[in-house]
Amino acid sequence: QVRLVESGGGSAQAGGTLRLSCTFSGLSKDTFDEYYMAWFRQAPGKEREGIAAIVTGVIPNYADSVKGRFTISRDTAENTLYLEMNSLKPDDTAVYYCAATRSPPGWLLNRDGYRYWGQGAQVTVSS
């Protein structure tokens, strides 16, 4: 059973930096790089939106709202996905979720295309 466990996040001032981690377990041996992986976020009263995605052989994909400020990466040796968040804004306040799927999700930031999800991590940015 594939399981994703998030850590990191928390609170920051506007302009600050936070990092999220998402550790995978239950994968078949040496299959980590075969997964499509992404980060989503959901602010109060809003729909869950895709913000960054990564897949082998493709340039990482970012939503316009985070492009140039956030960086998605992964460490195969640690089976861990990361999201580095710089120049944070109050509008970045949300619950952040990591997600993964073995099958192509269609559009990389399509939330309906992802099968496995982390538990969510709160990120709060104050002005």
Protein backbone atom coordinates (compact mmCIF):
# COMPACT_ATOMS: atom_id res chain seq x y z
CA GLN A 1 0.00 0.00 0.00
CA VAL A 2 1.55 3.30 -1.12
CA ARG A 3 1.60 5.87 1.67
CA LEU A 4 2.62 9.54 1.58
CA VAL A 5 3.52 11.34 4.81
CA GLU A 6 4.06 15.09 4.80
CA SER A 7 6.22 17.13 7.14
CA GLY A 8 7.35 20.73 7.38
CA GLY A 9 5.22 23.77 6.73
CA GLY A 10 4.12 25.93 9.65
CA SER A 11 4.12 29.72 9.89
CA ALA A 12 6.22 32.40 8.23
CA GLN A 13 6.28 36.12 7.64
CA ALA A 14 5.66 37.49 4.17
CA GLY A 15 8.88 37.25 2.18
CA GLY A 16 10.04 34.26 4.17
CA THR A 17 10.83 30.67 3.27
CA LEU A 18 9.36 27.30 4.20
CA ARG A 19 9.95 23.77 2.94
CA LEU A 20 7.58 20.84 2.75
CA SER A 21 8.63 17.20 2.55
CA CYS A 22 6.61 14.19 1.48
CA THR A 23 8.04 10.76 2.22
CA PHE A 24 6.83 7.75 0.28
CA SER A 25 6.53 4.21 1.63
CA GLY A 26 5.07 0.96 0.33
CA LEU A 27 6.54 1.36 -3.15
CA SER A 28 7.84 -1.55 -5.16
CA LYS A 29 11.63 -1.58 -5.33
CA ASP A 30 13.21 1.10 -7.55
CA THR A 31 9.87 2.51 -8.78
CA PHE A 32 9.97 5.94 -7.09
CA ASP A 33 11.06 7.73 -10.29
CA GLU A 34 8.20 6.12 -12.24
CA TYR A 35 5.59 8.11 -10.34
CA TYR A 36 4.08 11.39 -11.40
CA MET A 37 4.21 13.64 -8.32
CA ALA A 38 2.68 16.97 -7.50
CA TRP A 39 1.84 19.47 -4.82
CA PHE A 40 -1.64 20.89 -4.37
CA ARG A 41 -3.04 23.42 -1.95
CA GLN A 42 -6.45 24.36 -0.65
CA ALA A 43 -7.20 27.69 0.93
CA PRO A 44 -10.33 28.20 3.08
CA GLY A 45 -13.43 28.39 0.90
CA LYS A 46 -11.53 27.58 -2.28
CA GLU A 47 -11.05 24.49 -4.41
CA ARG A 48 -7.88 22.41 -4.23
CA GLU A 49 -5.47 23.67 -6.89
CA GLY A 50 -2.37 22.14 -8.39
CA ILE A 51 0.73 24.27 -7.97
CA ALA A 52 3.75 22.14 -8.96
CA ALA A 53 4.36 18.79 -10.63
CA ILE A 54 7.38 16.68 -11.48
CA VAL A 55 7.91 13.63 -13.64
CA THR A 56 11.03 12.01 -15.08
CA GLY A 57 12.08 13.48 -18.40
CA VAL A 58 9.84 16.56 -18.22
CA ILE A 59 10.60 20.08 -17.01
CA PRO A 60 8.74 20.67 -13.72
CA ASN A 61 5.35 22.29 -14.18
CA TYR A 62 4.21 25.25 -12.05
CA ALA A 63 1.05 27.23 -11.63
CA ASP A 64 1.45 30.90 -12.52
CA SER A 65 0.72 31.86 -8.91
CA VAL A 66 3.92 30.21 -7.65
CA LYS A 67 6.21 30.25 -10.69
CA GLY A 68 9.60 31.72 -9.86
CA ARG A 69 9.02 31.43 -6.10
CA PHE A 70 8.42 27.73 -5.45
CA THR A 71 10.62 24.78 -6.47
CA ILE A 72 9.57 21.15 -6.62
CA SER A 73 12.23 18.46 -6.38
CA ARG A 74 12.66 14.86 -5.30
CA ASP A 75 15.35 12.65 -3.81
CA THR A 76 15.27 9.12 -5.16
CA ALA A 77 17.61 7.75 -2.48
CA GLU A 78 15.29 9.05 0.25
CA ASN A 79 11.99 8.37 -1.59
CA THR A 80 11.04 11.95 -0.73
CA LEU A 81 9.36 14.79 -2.60
CA TYR A 82 10.05 18.41 -1.63
CA LEU A 83 8.51 21.83 -2.13
CA GLU A 84 10.76 24.81 -1.41
CA MET A 85 8.66 27.95 -0.96
CA ASN A 86 10.40 31.32 -1.18
CA SER A 87 9.14 34.91 -1.19
CA LEU A 88 6.00 33.77 0.59
CA LYS A 89 2.85 35.87 0.41
CA PRO A 90 -0.24 35.89 2.65
CA ASP A 91 -2.16 34.46 -0.35
CA ASP A 92 -0.01 31.33 -0.03
CA THR A 93 -1.80 30.46 3.20
CA ALA A 94 -3.46 27.07 2.69
CA VAL A 95 -3.31 23.38 3.49
CA TYR A 96 -0.73 21.81 1.20
CA TYR A 97 -1.01 18.25 -0.09
CA CYS A 98 1.46 16.02 -1.92
CA ALA A 99 0.06 13.58 -4.45
CA ALA A 100 1.30 10.81 -6.71
CA THR A 101 0.15 8.42 -9.37
CA ARG A 102 1.78 5.72 -11.47
CA SER A 103 -0.50 6.32 -14.46
CA PRO A 104 -0.37 9.56 -16.49
CA PRO A 105 -2.77 12.04 -14.86
CA GLY A 106 -3.48 13.89 -18.09
CA TRP A 107 -2.67 17.50 -17.33
CA LEU A 108 0.06 17.36 -14.68
CA LEU A 109 -1.81 19.67 -12.28
CA ASN A 110 -5.13 17.86 -12.63
CA ARG A 111 -6.12 16.83 -9.11
CA ASP A 112 -8.50 14.12 -10.40
CA GLY A 113 -5.57 12.34 -12.02
CA TYR A 114 -3.75 11.55 -8.77
CA ARG A 115 -4.40 8.38 -6.81
CA TYR A 116 -2.30 8.75 -3.66
CA TRP A 117 -2.42 11.72 -1.30
CA GLY A 118 -0.61 12.96 1.77
CA GLN A 119 -2.46 13.99 4.89
CA GLY A 120 -2.01 17.73 4.36
CA ALA A 121 0.20 20.33 6.04
CA GLN A 122 -0.84 23.81 7.11
CA VAL A 123 1.13 26.77 5.81
CA THR A 124 0.28 30.18 7.25
CA VAL A 125 1.89 33.38 5.98
CA SER A 126 1.38 36.61 7.88
CA SER A 127 1.89 40.10 6.53
